[in-house]
Amino acid sequence: MAGTDDTVAAGDDALYVLTAVLLTPAKFPSVLGDDYPEACAALGLAPLADGYGLVLGQDGTGARWTVVIDDVSLVAVAIASWDCGMEYELSPDERTVVSAMPGWPLALSVSAPGVPAPHDPEHDPEIMDGPPLTPPNTETWGPAQRRLGADEIALQWASWRDQIDDSAFLTDSPAGSEGSEGAAGAEASKEAGDTDADSTATPAASASTSTTIDSGDAADNTSATAPPGSDSEAQSTRAPHAGIRRVLAEVRAYVDCPPPLGRVRSAFASGDARTLRADGPGWSMVARTDDIAFVLLDDEPGEVLPVGRGPELPGLLEALDKMAVRPS
């Protein structure tokens, strides 16, 4: 988080910097869109190859402003310094300022001391092309909250992974399947409250993995097995989750026909693994190249659906990692 001594021009006033975020193909606020061009469009910006830095703060009257700069390296260094608890004065050169927009595109829970509470500036047609920026609605389940939930899983992978028992997946999936599907998704509380620049999801107390299914042909039923020690050891039948099948098919299509920049991103993980993030119309997927995947759907409010390795998921993740956008 920036110190409020940092200032940058915003209209006729100095801006007290509160925070900054990157808007690049490999790193952008996913709450704004499923890919980089969509996130840029939400702010009325052209999707430049090198991207932008977004500086969020308040002017002397307390009004919210977002200053867009093209010095991406400066913002990246500032963010890295703040994340390490170090002070860093973010003072972009005026020549790097692309535009100053009223409002904030993200929800912040902080404010500059010594100035009025954050509020939208009064409309001035000479410096404002449109209404102030506002954060996407995350009060109800929808695309924005679904993407925030996927963000949290990527950040807290170990916490989410610990909720899934590997016995929730069959290991003998039939050939041609996309991976073993978890019998039930882990219930997630996506209460998107205000944060410094991101909203978070809260991991469920425990994953619901009382039954397991394999990912056989979608037209066929597969056996669901009650876990040892349960009240019922009886066999039942259950169809594979149609939403997961659809997502895996669309993800596979990305390998053959690359989607817009930022739809598939690769980030560092522990060891030699990578954390993969893929998004599409109505869905988000988070995976590790050495492990399983999690899927979130607009049609399944609050549900986090685990996808086991199976025979084909490892190869699919490897192919996605090769074509994904990576931080420079």
C-alpha atoms as a PDB file:
ATOM      1  CA  MET A   1       0.000   0.000   0.000  1.00  0.00           C
ATOM      2  CA  ALA A   2       1.299   3.406  -0.900  1.00  0.00           C
ATOM      3  CA  GLY A   3       2.009   6.110   1.589  1.00  0.00           C
ATOM      4  CA  THR A   4      -0.090   9.259   1.287  1.00  0.00           C
ATOM      5  CA  ASP A   5       3.037  11.358   0.788  1.00  0.00           C
ATOM      6  CA  ASP A   6       3.088  10.026  -2.769  1.00  0.00           C
ATOM      7  CA  THR A   7       1.420  12.461  -5.136  1.00  0.00           C
ATOM      8  CA  VAL A   8       0.706  12.673  -8.830  1.00  0.00           C
ATOM      9  CA  ALA A   9      -1.181  15.199 -10.911  1.00  0.00           C
ATOM     10  CA  ALA A  10      -4.955  14.696 -11.172  1.00  0.00           C
ATOM     11  CA  GLY A  11      -6.691  17.566 -12.877  1.00  0.00           C
ATOM     12  CA  ASP A  12      -5.606  20.758 -11.110  1.00  0.00           C
ATOM     13  CA  ASP A  13      -4.879  19.032  -7.792  1.00  0.00           C
ATOM     14  CA  ALA A  14      -2.247  16.711  -6.437  1.00  0.00           C
ATOM     15  CA  LEU A  15      -3.371  13.116  -5.929  1.00  0.00           C
ATOM     16  CA  TYR A  16      -2.699  11.378  -2.619  1.00  0.00           C
ATOM     17  CA  VAL A  17      -1.767   7.879  -3.808  1.00  0.00           C
ATOM     18  CA  LEU A  18      -3.552   5.044  -2.010  1.00  0.00           C
ATOM     19  CA  THR A  19      -2.586   2.078  -4.159  1.00  0.00           C
ATOM     20  CA  ALA A  20      -1.722   1.040  -7.695  1.00  0.00           C
ATOM     21  CA  VAL A  21      -2.407  -1.989  -9.868  1.00  0.00           C
ATOM     22  CA  LEU A  22      -1.127  -3.329 -13.153  1.00  0.00           C
ATOM     23  CA  LEU A  23      -3.278  -3.570 -16.255  1.00  0.00           C
ATOM     24  CA  THR A  24      -1.282  -5.811 -18.599  1.00  0.00           C
ATOM     25  CA  PRO A  25      -2.051  -8.987 -20.582  1.00  0.00           C
ATOM     26  CA  ALA A  26      -0.470 -11.126 -17.848  1.00  0.00           C
ATOM     27  CA  LYS A  27      -1.675  -9.181 -14.803  1.00  0.00           C
ATOM     28  CA  PHE A  28      -4.911  -7.226 -14.628  1.00  0.00           C
ATOM     29  CA  PRO A  29      -7.798  -6.838 -12.153  1.00  0.00           C
ATOM     30  CA  SER A  30      -9.839  -9.840 -13.254  1.00  0.00           C
ATOM     31  CA  VAL A  31     -12.923  -8.332 -11.633  1.00  0.00           C
ATOM     32  CA  LEU A  32     -13.026  -6.046 -14.687  1.00  0.00           C
ATOM     33  CA  GLY A  33     -13.245  -8.802 -17.294  1.00  0.00           C
ATOM     34  CA  ASP A  34     -12.428 -12.315 -18.461  1.00  0.00           C
ATOM     35  CA  ASP A  35      -9.436 -11.127 -20.497  1.00  0.00           C
ATOM     36  CA  TYR A  36      -7.113  -8.170 -20.989  1.00  0.00           C
ATOM     37  CA  PRO A  37      -9.007  -6.466 -23.852  1.00  0.00           C
ATOM     38  CA  GLU A  38     -12.258  -6.742 -21.869  1.00  0.00           C
ATOM     39  CA  ALA A  39     -10.644  -5.221 -18.785  1.00  0.00           C
ATOM     40  CA  CYS A  40      -9.260  -2.355 -20.880  1.00  0.00           C
ATOM     41  CA  ALA A  41     -12.659  -1.791 -22.492  1.00  0.00           C
ATOM     42  CA  ALA A  42     -14.216  -1.444 -19.040  1.00  0.00           C
ATOM     43  CA  LEU A  43     -12.011   1.631 -18.585  1.00  0.00           C
ATOM     44  CA  GLY A  44     -12.298   2.913 -22.148  1.00  0.00           C
ATOM     45  CA  LEU A  45      -8.643   2.133 -22.893  1.00  0.00           C
ATOM     46  CA  ALA A  46      -7.051   0.615 -25.980  1.00  0.00           C
ATOM     47  CA  PRO A  47      -5.435  -2.775 -25.206  1.00  0.00           C
ATOM     48  CA  LEU A  48      -1.813  -1.741 -25.721  1.00  0.00           C
ATOM     49  CA  ALA A  49       0.654  -4.603 -25.848  1.00  0.00           C
ATOM     50  CA  ASP A  50       2.747  -3.234 -22.957  1.00  0.00           C
ATOM     51  CA  GLY A  51      -0.263  -2.366 -20.827  1.00  0.00           C
ATOM     52  CA  TYR A  52      -0.756   0.336 -18.216  1.00  0.00           C
ATOM     53  CA  GLY A  53      -0.360   1.158 -14.565  1.00  0.00           C
ATOM     54  CA  LEU A  54      -3.416   2.370 -12.640  1.00  0.00           C
ATOM     55  CA  VAL A  55      -2.758   4.750  -9.741  1.00  0.00           C
ATOM     56  CA  LEU A  56      -5.721   5.178  -7.389  1.00  0.00           C
ATOM     57  CA  GLY A  57      -5.974   8.035  -4.916  1.00  0.00           C
ATOM     58  CA  GLN A  58      -7.781  11.141  -3.672  1.00  0.00           C
ATOM     59  CA  ASP A  59      -7.291  14.805  -4.445  1.00  0.00           C
ATOM     60  CA  GLY A  60      -7.223  17.559  -1.831  1.00  0.00           C
ATOM     61  CA  THR A  61     -11.025  17.621  -1.646  1.00  0.00           C
ATOM     62  CA  GLY A  62     -11.217  13.875  -1.050  1.00  0.00           C
ATOM     63  CA  ALA A  63     -12.486  13.097  -4.564  1.00  0.00           C
ATOM     64  CA  ARG A  64     -11.615   9.728  -6.058  1.00  0.00           C
ATOM     65  CA  TRP A  65      -9.351   9.691  -9.118  1.00  0.00           C
ATOM     66  CA  THR A  66      -7.680   6.986 -11.198  1.00  0.00           C
ATOM     67  CA  VAL A  67      -4.568   8.075 -13.079  1.00  0.00           C
ATOM     68  CA  VAL A  68      -3.558   5.854 -15.991  1.00  0.00           C
ATOM     69  CA  ILE A  69       0.148   5.828 -16.866  1.00  0.00           C
ATOM     70  CA  ASP A  70       2.145   3.935 -19.465  1.00  0.00           C
ATOM     71  CA  ASP A  71       5.217   3.450 -17.258  1.00  0.00           C
ATOM     72  CA  VAL A  72       4.385  -0.137 -16.332  1.00  0.00           C
ATOM     73  CA  SER A  73       7.820  -0.853 -14.836  1.00  0.00           C
ATOM     74  CA  LEU A  74       7.468   2.003 -12.347  1.00  0.00           C
ATOM     75  CA  VAL A  75       4.156   0.696 -11.054  1.00  0.00           C
ATOM     76  CA  ALA A  76       5.488  -2.877 -10.920  1.00  0.00           C
ATOM     77  CA  VAL A  77       8.462  -1.796  -8.789  1.00  0.00           C
ATOM     78  CA  ALA A  78       6.188   0.217  -6.484  1.00  0.00           C
ATOM     79  CA  ILE A  79       3.816  -2.722  -5.961  1.00  0.00           C
ATOM     80  CA  ALA A  80       6.695  -5.124  -5.296  1.00  0.00           C
ATOM     81  CA  SER A  81       8.187  -2.707  -2.749  1.00  0.00           C
ATOM     82  CA  TRP A  82       4.872  -2.212  -0.927  1.00  0.00           C
ATOM     83  CA  ASP A  83       4.274  -5.967  -0.859  1.00  0.00           C
ATOM     84  CA  CYS A  84       7.632  -6.333   0.919  1.00  0.00           C
ATOM     85  CA  GLY A  85       6.683  -3.681   3.471  1.00  0.00           C
ATOM     86  CA  MET A  86       9.089  -1.141   2.005  1.00  0.00           C
ATOM     87  CA  GLU A  87       8.393   2.506   1.324  1.00  0.00           C
ATOM     88  CA  TYR A  88       8.377   3.580  -2.289  1.00  0.00           C
ATOM     89  CA  GLU A  89       7.468   7.001  -3.613  1.00  0.00           C
ATOM     90  CA  LEU A  90       5.277   6.553  -6.648  1.00  0.00           C
ATOM     91  CA  SER A  91       5.630   9.829  -8.540  1.00  0.00           C
ATOM     92  CA  PRO A  92       5.171   9.252 -12.284  1.00  0.00           C
ATOM     93  CA  ASP A  93       6.531  11.743 -14.756  1.00  0.00           C
ATOM     94  CA  GLU A  94       3.718  13.815 -16.236  1.00  0.00           C
ATOM     95  CA  ARG A  95       4.809  12.644 -19.689  1.00  0.00           C
ATOM     96  CA  THR A  96       3.773   9.093 -18.759  1.00  0.00           C
ATOM     97  CA  VAL A  97       0.202  10.057 -17.800  1.00  0.00           C
ATOM     98  CA  VAL A  98      -2.292   8.715 -20.344  1.00  0.00           C
ATOM     99  CA  SER A  99      -5.433  10.010 -18.646  1.00  0.00           C
ATOM    100  CA  ALA A 100      -6.937  10.970 -15.302  1.00  0.00           C
ATOM    101  CA  MET A 101     -10.361   9.424 -14.739  1.00  0.00           C
ATOM    102  CA  PRO A 102     -12.825  10.332 -11.996  1.00  0.00           C
ATOM    103  CA  GLY A 103     -13.772   7.542  -9.625  1.00  0.00           C
ATOM    104  CA  TRP A 104     -12.192   4.170  -8.883  1.00  0.00           C
ATOM    105  CA  PRO A 105     -12.702   0.965 -10.884  1.00  0.00           C
ATOM    106  CA  LEU A 106     -11.963  -1.123  -7.776  1.00  0.00           C
ATOM    107  CA  ALA A 107     -13.369  -1.062  -4.258  1.00  0.00           C
ATOM    108  CA  LEU A 108     -10.928   0.310  -1.661  1.00  0.00           C
ATOM    109  CA  SER A 109     -11.426   0.278   2.080  1.00  0.00           C
ATOM    110  CA  VAL A 110      -8.724   2.888   2.763  1.00  0.00           C
ATOM    111  CA  SER A 111      -8.633   6.655   2.432  1.00  0.00           C
ATOM    112  CA  ALA A 112      -6.109   9.461   2.659  1.00  0.00           C
ATOM    113  CA  PRO A 113      -5.790  11.029   6.126  1.00  0.00           C
ATOM    114  CA  GLY A 114      -6.473  14.710   6.530  1.00  0.00           C
ATOM    115  CA  VAL A 115      -8.858  14.998   3.576  1.00  0.00           C
ATOM    116  CA  PRO A 116     -12.641  14.504   3.326  1.00  0.00           C
ATOM    117  CA  ALA A 117     -14.033  10.994   2.953  1.00  0.00           C
ATOM    118  CA  PRO A 118     -13.757   9.448  -0.539  1.00  0.00           C
ATOM    119  CA  HIS A 119     -16.437  10.666  -2.927  1.00  0.00           C
ATOM    120  CA  ASP A 120     -16.914  11.130  -6.638  1.00  0.00           C
ATOM    121  CA  PRO A 121     -15.767  14.517  -7.962  1.00  0.00           C
ATOM    122  CA  GLU A 122     -18.298  16.994  -9.252  1.00  0.00           C
ATOM    123  CA  HIS A 123     -18.883  16.639 -12.959  1.00  0.00           C
ATOM    124  CA  ASP A 124     -16.684  18.907 -15.036  1.00  0.00           C
ATOM    125  CA  PRO A 125     -17.229  18.452 -18.796  1.00  0.00           C
ATOM    126  CA  GLU A 126     -13.850  20.044 -19.516  1.00  0.00           C
ATOM    127  CA  ILE A 127     -11.928  17.183 -17.886  1.00  0.00           C
ATOM    128  CA  MET A 128     -14.493  14.373 -17.733  1.00  0.00           C
ATOM    129  CA  ASP A 129     -15.653  12.447 -20.776  1.00  0.00           C
ATOM    130  CA  GLY A 130     -18.239  10.440 -18.873  1.00  0.00           C
ATOM    131  CA  PRO A 131     -19.521   9.400 -15.451  1.00  0.00           C
ATOM    132  CA  PRO A 132     -17.050   8.426 -12.689  1.00  0.00           C
ATOM    133  CA  LEU A 133     -15.632   4.929 -12.639  1.00  0.00           C
ATOM    134  CA  THR A 134     -17.348   2.561 -10.228  1.00  0.00           C
ATOM    135  CA  PRO A 135     -16.367  -0.957  -9.074  1.00  0.00           C
ATOM    136  CA  PRO A 136     -18.295  -3.858 -10.626  1.00  0.00           C
ATOM    137  CA  ASN A 137     -21.203  -5.107  -8.554  1.00  0.00           C
ATOM    138  CA  THR A 138     -20.104  -8.000  -6.363  1.00  0.00           C
ATOM    139  CA  GLU A 139     -23.078  -7.961  -3.998  1.00  0.00           C
ATOM    140  CA  THR A 140     -24.692 -10.873  -5.841  1.00  0.00           C
ATOM    141  CA  TRP A 141     -23.190 -13.884  -7.560  1.00  0.00           C
ATOM    142  CA  GLY A 142     -22.203 -13.164 -11.128  1.00  0.00           C
ATOM    143  CA  PRO A 143     -19.156 -12.857 -13.403  1.00  0.00           C
ATOM    144  CA  ALA A 144     -17.323 -10.320 -11.220  1.00  0.00           C
ATOM    145  CA  GLN A 145     -17.758 -12.300  -8.006  1.00  0.00           C
ATOM    146  CA  ARG A 146     -16.967 -15.571  -9.778  1.00  0.00           C
ATOM    147  CA  ARG A 147     -13.661 -14.134 -11.001  1.00  0.00           C
ATOM    148  CA  LEU A 148     -12.847 -12.790  -7.526  1.00  0.00           C
ATOM    149  CA  GLY A 149     -13.465 -16.258  -6.135  1.00  0.00           C
ATOM    150  CA  ALA A 150     -11.009 -17.707  -8.646  1.00  0.00           C
ATOM    151  CA  ASP A 151      -8.486 -15.021  -7.654  1.00  0.00           C
ATOM    152  CA  GLU A 152      -8.734 -16.136  -4.043  1.00  0.00           C
ATOM    153  CA  ILE A 153      -8.271 -19.806  -4.899  1.00  0.00           C
ATOM    154  CA  ALA A 154      -5.117 -18.949  -6.840  1.00  0.00           C
ATOM    155  CA  LEU A 155      -3.781 -16.921  -3.909  1.00  0.00           C
ATOM    156  CA  GLN A 156      -4.750 -19.488  -1.260  1.00  0.00           C
ATOM    157  CA  TRP A 157      -4.210 -22.685  -3.217  1.00  0.00           C
ATOM    158  CA  ALA A 158      -2.953 -24.724  -0.271  1.00  0.00           C
ATOM    159  CA  SER A 159      -5.998 -23.853   1.868  1.00  0.00           C
ATOM    160  CA  TRP A 160      -8.418 -24.904  -0.850  1.00  0.00           C
ATOM    161  CA  ARG A 161      -6.432 -27.983  -1.853  1.00  0.00           C
ATOM    162  CA  ASP A 162      -6.354 -29.225   1.736  1.00  0.00           C
ATOM    163  CA  GLN A 163     -10.148 -29.430   1.670  1.00  0.00           C
ATOM    164  CA  ILE A 164     -10.120 -32.005  -1.100  1.00  0.00           C
ATOM    165  CA  ASP A 165      -9.461 -35.656  -0.301  1.00  0.00           C
ATOM    166  CA  ASP A 166      -7.870 -37.424  -3.256  1.00  0.00           C
ATOM    167  CA  SER A 167     -10.261 -40.298  -2.642  1.00  0.00           C
ATOM    168  CA  ALA A 168     -12.927 -37.940  -3.999  1.00  0.00           C
ATOM    169  CA  PHE A 169     -11.668 -38.861  -7.472  1.00  0.00           C
ATOM    170  CA  LEU A 170     -11.559 -42.235  -9.138  1.00  0.00           C
ATOM    171  CA  THR A 171      -8.183 -43.142 -10.569  1.00  0.00           C
ATOM    172  CA  ASP A 172      -9.494 -45.467 -13.272  1.00  0.00           C
ATOM    173  CA  SER A 173     -11.247 -42.935 -15.487  1.00  0.00           C
ATOM    174  CA  PRO A 174     -12.021 -44.333 -18.929  1.00  0.00           C
ATOM    175  CA  ALA A 175      -9.784 -43.382 -21.819  1.00  0.00           C
ATOM    176  CA  GLY A 176     -10.746 -40.155 -23.502  1.00  0.00           C
ATOM    177  CA  SER A 177     -12.043 -38.488 -20.346  1.00  0.00           C
ATOM    178  CA  GLU A 178     -10.890 -35.058 -19.319  1.00  0.00           C
ATOM    179  CA  GLY A 179     -10.108 -35.939 -15.720  1.00  0.00           C
ATOM    180  CA  SER A 180     -12.037 -37.194 -12.729  1.00  0.00           C
ATOM    181  CA  GLU A 181     -14.727 -34.847 -11.554  1.00  0.00           C
ATOM    182  CA  GLY A 182     -15.391 -34.273  -7.874  1.00  0.00           C
ATOM    183  CA  ALA A 183     -18.816 -35.505  -6.826  1.00  0.00           C
ATOM    184  CA  ALA A 184     -19.756 -32.220  -5.233  1.00  0.00           C
ATOM    185  CA  GLY A 185     -18.199 -28.798  -5.197  1.00  0.00           C
ATOM    186  CA  ALA A 186     -16.800 -27.205  -2.074  1.00  0.00           C
ATOM    187  CA  GLU A 187     -19.301 -24.614  -0.910  1.00  0.00           C
ATOM    188  CA  ALA A 188     -17.622 -21.208  -1.001  1.00  0.00           C
ATOM    189  CA  SER A 189     -18.668 -17.982   0.613  1.00  0.00           C
ATOM    190  CA  LYS A 190     -18.015 -15.291  -1.969  1.00  0.00           C
ATOM    191  CA  GLU A 191     -18.756 -12.323   0.245  1.00  0.00           C
ATOM    192  CA  ALA A 192     -17.014  -9.676  -1.849  1.00  0.00           C
ATOM    193  CA  GLY A 193     -16.278  -7.049   0.742  1.00  0.00           C
ATOM    194  CA  ASP A 194     -14.112  -3.959   0.270  1.00  0.00           C
ATOM    195  CA  THR A 195     -10.371  -4.533   0.214  1.00  0.00           C
ATOM    196  CA  ASP A 196      -7.328  -2.557  -0.780  1.00  0.00           C
ATOM    197  CA  ALA A 197      -7.688  -3.519  -4.418  1.00  0.00           C
ATOM    198  CA  ASP A 198      -9.156  -7.002  -4.417  1.00  0.00           C
ATOM    199  CA  SER A 199     -12.081  -8.808  -2.879  1.00  0.00           C
ATOM    200  CA  THR A 200     -11.607 -12.265  -1.433  1.00  0.00           C
ATOM    201  CA  ALA A 201     -13.502 -15.484  -1.073  1.00  0.00           C
ATOM    202  CA  THR A 202     -13.489 -17.434   2.159  1.00  0.00           C
ATOM    203  CA  PRO A 203     -12.619 -21.147   1.956  1.00  0.00           C
ATOM    204  CA  ALA A 204     -15.353 -23.464   3.113  1.00  0.00           C
ATOM    205  CA  ALA A 205     -14.879 -25.206   6.429  1.00  0.00           C
ATOM    206  CA  SER A 206     -14.693 -28.532   4.620  1.00  0.00           C
ATOM    207  CA  ALA A 207     -15.118 -29.755   1.093  1.00  0.00           C
ATOM    208  CA  SER A 208     -18.115 -31.860   0.289  1.00  0.00           C
ATOM    209  CA  THR A 209     -16.563 -35.006  -1.143  1.00  0.00           C
ATOM    210  CA  SER A 210     -18.811 -37.679   0.280  1.00  0.00           C
ATOM    211  CA  THR A 211     -19.185 -39.334  -3.122  1.00  0.00           C
ATOM    212  CA  THR A 212     -16.930 -39.736  -6.103  1.00  0.00           C
ATOM    213  CA  ILE A 213     -17.593 -40.060  -9.795  1.00  0.00           C
ATOM    214  CA  ASP A 214     -15.372 -40.540 -12.784  1.00  0.00           C
ATOM    215  CA  SER A 215     -15.642 -38.461 -15.921  1.00  0.00           C
ATOM    216  CA  GLY A 216     -16.942 -40.991 -18.403  1.00  0.00           C
ATOM    217  CA  ASP A 217     -18.939 -40.135 -21.460  1.00  0.00           C
ATOM    218  CA  ALA A 218     -21.449 -37.403 -20.650  1.00  0.00           C
ATOM    219  CA  ALA A 219     -24.240 -39.507 -22.103  1.00  0.00           C
ATOM    220  CA  ASP A 220     -23.592 -42.339 -19.650  1.00  0.00           C
ATOM    221  CA  ASN A 221     -24.212 -42.625 -15.935  1.00  0.00           C
ATOM    222  CA  THR A 222     -21.240 -43.379 -13.713  1.00  0.00           C
ATOM    223  CA  SER A 223     -21.159 -45.086 -10.385  1.00  0.00           C
ATOM    224  CA  ALA A 224     -21.025 -42.997  -7.227  1.00  0.00           C
ATOM    225  CA  THR A 225     -19.446 -44.710  -4.256  1.00  0.00           C
ATOM    226  CA  ALA A 226     -20.220 -43.811  -0.666  1.00  0.00           C
ATOM    227  CA  PRO A 227     -17.043 -43.446   1.429  1.00  0.00           C
ATOM    228  CA  PRO A 228     -16.089 -46.161   3.929  1.00  0.00           C
ATOM    229  CA  GLY A 229     -17.802 -45.711   7.274  1.00  0.00           C
ATOM    230  CA  SER A 230     -20.754 -43.798   5.863  1.00  0.00           C
ATOM    231  CA  ASP A 231     -24.324 -44.685   6.733  1.00  0.00           C
ATOM    232  CA  SER A 232     -24.877 -46.197   3.330  1.00  0.00           C
ATOM    233  CA  GLU A 233     -22.459 -48.261   1.265  1.00  0.00           C
ATOM    234  CA  ALA A 234     -25.038 -48.686  -1.492  1.00  0.00           C
ATOM    235  CA  GLN A 235     -24.091 -47.950  -5.074  1.00  0.00           C
ATOM    236  CA  SER A 236     -25.909 -45.218  -6.952  1.00  0.00           C
ATOM    237  CA  THR A 237     -25.627 -43.645 -10.382  1.00  0.00           C
ATOM    238  CA  ARG A 238     -24.900 -40.057 -11.194  1.00  0.00           C
ATOM    239  CA  ALA A 239     -24.217 -38.211 -14.433  1.00  0.00           C
ATOM    240  CA  PRO A 240     -20.969 -36.262 -14.788  1.00  0.00           C
ATOM    241  CA  HIS A 241     -21.288 -32.551 -14.089  1.00  0.00           C
ATOM    242  CA  ALA A 242     -22.365 -30.947 -17.370  1.00  0.00           C
ATOM    243  CA  GLY A 243     -20.816 -27.595 -16.443  1.00  0.00           C
ATOM    244  CA  ILE A 244     -17.376 -29.101 -15.909  1.00  0.00           C
ATOM    245  CA  ARG A 245     -17.628 -31.002 -19.167  1.00  0.00           C
ATOM    246  CA  ARG A 246     -18.447 -27.781 -21.009  1.00  0.00           C
ATOM    247  CA  VAL A 247     -15.591 -25.860 -19.389  1.00  0.00           C
ATOM    248  CA  LEU A 248     -13.025 -28.536 -20.193  1.00  0.00           C
ATOM    249  CA  ALA A 249     -14.211 -28.625 -23.810  1.00  0.00           C
ATOM    250  CA  GLU A 250     -13.891 -24.844 -24.122  1.00  0.00           C
ATOM    251  CA  VAL A 251     -10.467 -24.853 -22.464  1.00  0.00           C
ATOM    252  CA  ARG A 252      -9.295 -27.515 -24.901  1.00  0.00           C
ATOM    253  CA  ALA A 253     -10.522 -25.351 -27.762  1.00  0.00           C
ATOM    254  CA  TYR A 254      -8.248 -22.539 -26.509  1.00  0.00           C
ATOM    255  CA  VAL A 255      -5.234 -24.712 -27.314  1.00  0.00           C
ATOM    256  CA  ASP A 256      -6.300 -25.035 -30.955  1.00  0.00           C
ATOM    257  CA  CYS A 257      -7.652 -21.503 -31.356  1.00  0.00           C
ATOM    258  CA  PRO A 258      -5.954 -19.016 -28.999  1.00  0.00           C
ATOM    259  CA  PRO A 259      -8.457 -16.780 -27.178  1.00  0.00           C
ATOM    260  CA  PRO A 260      -8.077 -13.036 -26.482  1.00  0.00           C
ATOM    261  CA  LEU A 261      -4.974 -12.056 -24.499  1.00  0.00           C
ATOM    262  CA  GLY A 262      -5.269 -12.784 -20.812  1.00  0.00           C
ATOM    263  CA  ARG A 263      -7.914 -15.513 -21.049  1.00  0.00           C
ATOM    264  CA  VAL A 264      -5.162 -17.977 -20.096  1.00  0.00           C
ATOM    265  CA  ARG A 265      -2.425 -16.850 -17.725  1.00  0.00           C
ATOM    266  CA  SER A 266       0.484 -18.671 -16.103  1.00  0.00           C
ATOM    267  CA  ALA A 267       2.086 -17.619 -12.824  1.00  0.00           C
ATOM    268  CA  PHE A 268       4.768 -18.933 -10.510  1.00  0.00           C
ATOM    269  CA  ALA A 269       3.994 -21.726  -8.048  1.00  0.00           C
ATOM    270  CA  SER A 270       6.091 -23.793  -5.678  1.00  0.00           C
ATOM    271  CA  GLY A 271       8.700 -26.128  -7.076  1.00  0.00           C
ATOM    272  CA  ASP A 272       8.640 -26.526 -10.839  1.00  0.00           C
ATOM    273  CA  ALA A 273       4.869 -26.131 -11.053  1.00  0.00           C
ATOM    274  CA  ARG A 274       2.889 -23.244 -12.508  1.00  0.00           C
ATOM    275  CA  THR A 275      -0.445 -21.832 -11.450  1.00  0.00           C
ATOM    276  CA  LEU A 276      -2.794 -21.596 -14.419  1.00  0.00           C
ATOM    277  CA  ARG A 277      -5.815 -19.335 -14.687  1.00  0.00           C
ATOM    278  CA  ALA A 278      -8.319 -19.606 -17.512  1.00  0.00           C
ATOM    279  CA  ASP A 279     -11.589 -17.725 -17.941  1.00  0.00           C
ATOM    280  CA  GLY A 280     -14.421 -17.823 -20.415  1.00  0.00           C
ATOM    281  CA  PRO A 281     -18.085 -16.950 -20.821  1.00  0.00           C
ATOM    282  CA  GLY A 282     -19.684 -17.906 -17.520  1.00  0.00           C
ATOM    283  CA  TRP A 283     -16.745 -19.781 -16.001  1.00  0.00           C
ATOM    284  CA  SER A 284     -13.299 -19.582 -14.404  1.00  0.00           C
ATOM    285  CA  MET A 285     -10.733 -22.311 -13.852  1.00  0.00           C
ATOM    286  CA  VAL A 286      -7.705 -22.353 -11.548  1.00  0.00           C
ATOM    287  CA  ALA A 287      -5.201 -25.200 -11.712  1.00  0.00           C
ATOM    288  CA  ARG A 288      -1.669 -26.200 -10.919  1.00  0.00           C
ATOM    289  CA  THR A 289       0.299 -27.986 -13.586  1.00  0.00           C
ATOM    290  CA  ASP A 290       1.276 -30.699 -11.081  1.00  0.00           C
ATOM    291  CA  ASP A 291      -2.119 -31.077  -9.444  1.00  0.00           C
ATOM    292  CA  ILE A 292      -5.882 -30.767  -9.889  1.00  0.00           C
ATOM    293  CA  ALA A 293      -8.117 -27.932 -11.072  1.00  0.00           C
ATOM    294  CA  PHE A 294     -11.014 -25.967  -9.601  1.00  0.00           C
ATOM    295  CA  VAL A 295     -13.913 -24.644 -11.658  1.00  0.00           C
ATOM    296  CA  LEU A 296     -16.375 -21.866 -10.804  1.00  0.00           C
ATOM    297  CA  LEU A 297     -19.528 -21.286 -12.829  1.00  0.00           C
ATOM    298  CA  ASP A 298     -21.943 -18.400 -13.109  1.00  0.00           C
ATOM    299  CA  ASP A 299     -24.694 -21.033 -13.112  1.00  0.00           C
ATOM    300  CA  GLU A 300     -23.517 -22.539  -9.796  1.00  0.00           C
ATOM    301  CA  PRO A 301     -23.590 -19.688  -7.227  1.00  0.00           C
ATOM    302  CA  GLY A 302     -20.998 -20.104  -4.506  1.00  0.00           C
ATOM    303  CA  GLU A 303     -19.846 -23.532  -5.688  1.00  0.00           C
ATOM    304  CA  VAL A 304     -16.224 -24.508  -6.240  1.00  0.00           C
ATOM    305  CA  LEU A 305     -16.051 -27.686  -8.290  1.00  0.00           C
ATOM    306  CA  PRO A 306     -12.850 -29.774  -8.104  1.00  0.00           C
ATOM    307  CA  VAL A 307     -11.574 -31.602 -11.192  1.00  0.00           C
ATOM    308  CA  GLY A 308      -9.217 -34.539 -10.645  1.00  0.00           C
ATOM    309  CA  ARG A 309      -6.108 -35.295 -12.671  1.00  0.00           C
ATOM    310  CA  GLY A 310      -7.473 -38.207 -14.673  1.00  0.00           C
ATOM    311  CA  PRO A 311      -5.611 -39.380 -17.789  1.00  0.00           C
ATOM    312  CA  GLU A 312      -5.897 -36.196 -19.864  1.00  0.00           C
ATOM    313  CA  LEU A 313      -5.875 -33.219 -17.504  1.00  0.00           C
ATOM    314  CA  PRO A 314      -2.059 -33.213 -17.114  1.00  0.00           C
ATOM    315  CA  GLY A 315      -1.552 -32.953 -20.879  1.00  0.00           C
ATOM    316  CA  LEU A 316      -4.223 -30.281 -21.188  1.00  0.00           C
ATOM    317  CA  LEU A 317      -2.622 -28.190 -18.456  1.00  0.00           C
ATOM    318  CA  GLU A 318       0.802 -28.569 -20.069  1.00  0.00           C
ATOM    319  CA  ALA A 319      -0.589 -27.363 -23.389  1.00  0.00           C
ATOM    320  CA  LEU A 320      -2.311 -24.413 -21.719  1.00  0.00           C
ATOM    321  CA  ASP A 321       0.888 -23.445 -19.937  1.00  0.00           C
ATOM    322  CA  LYS A 322       2.773 -23.338 -23.223  1.00  0.00           C
ATOM    323  CA  MET A 323       0.317 -20.894 -24.813  1.00  0.00           C
ATOM    324  CA  ALA A 324      -0.485 -18.850 -21.676  1.00  0.00           C
ATOM    325  CA  VAL A 325       0.584 -15.266 -21.107  1.00  0.00           C
ATOM    326  CA  ARG A 326       3.321 -14.986 -18.473  1.00  0.00           C
ATOM    327  CA  PRO A 327       4.555 -12.046 -16.417  1.00  0.00           C
ATOM    328  CA  SER A 328       7.652 -10.512 -17.975  1.00  0.00           C
END
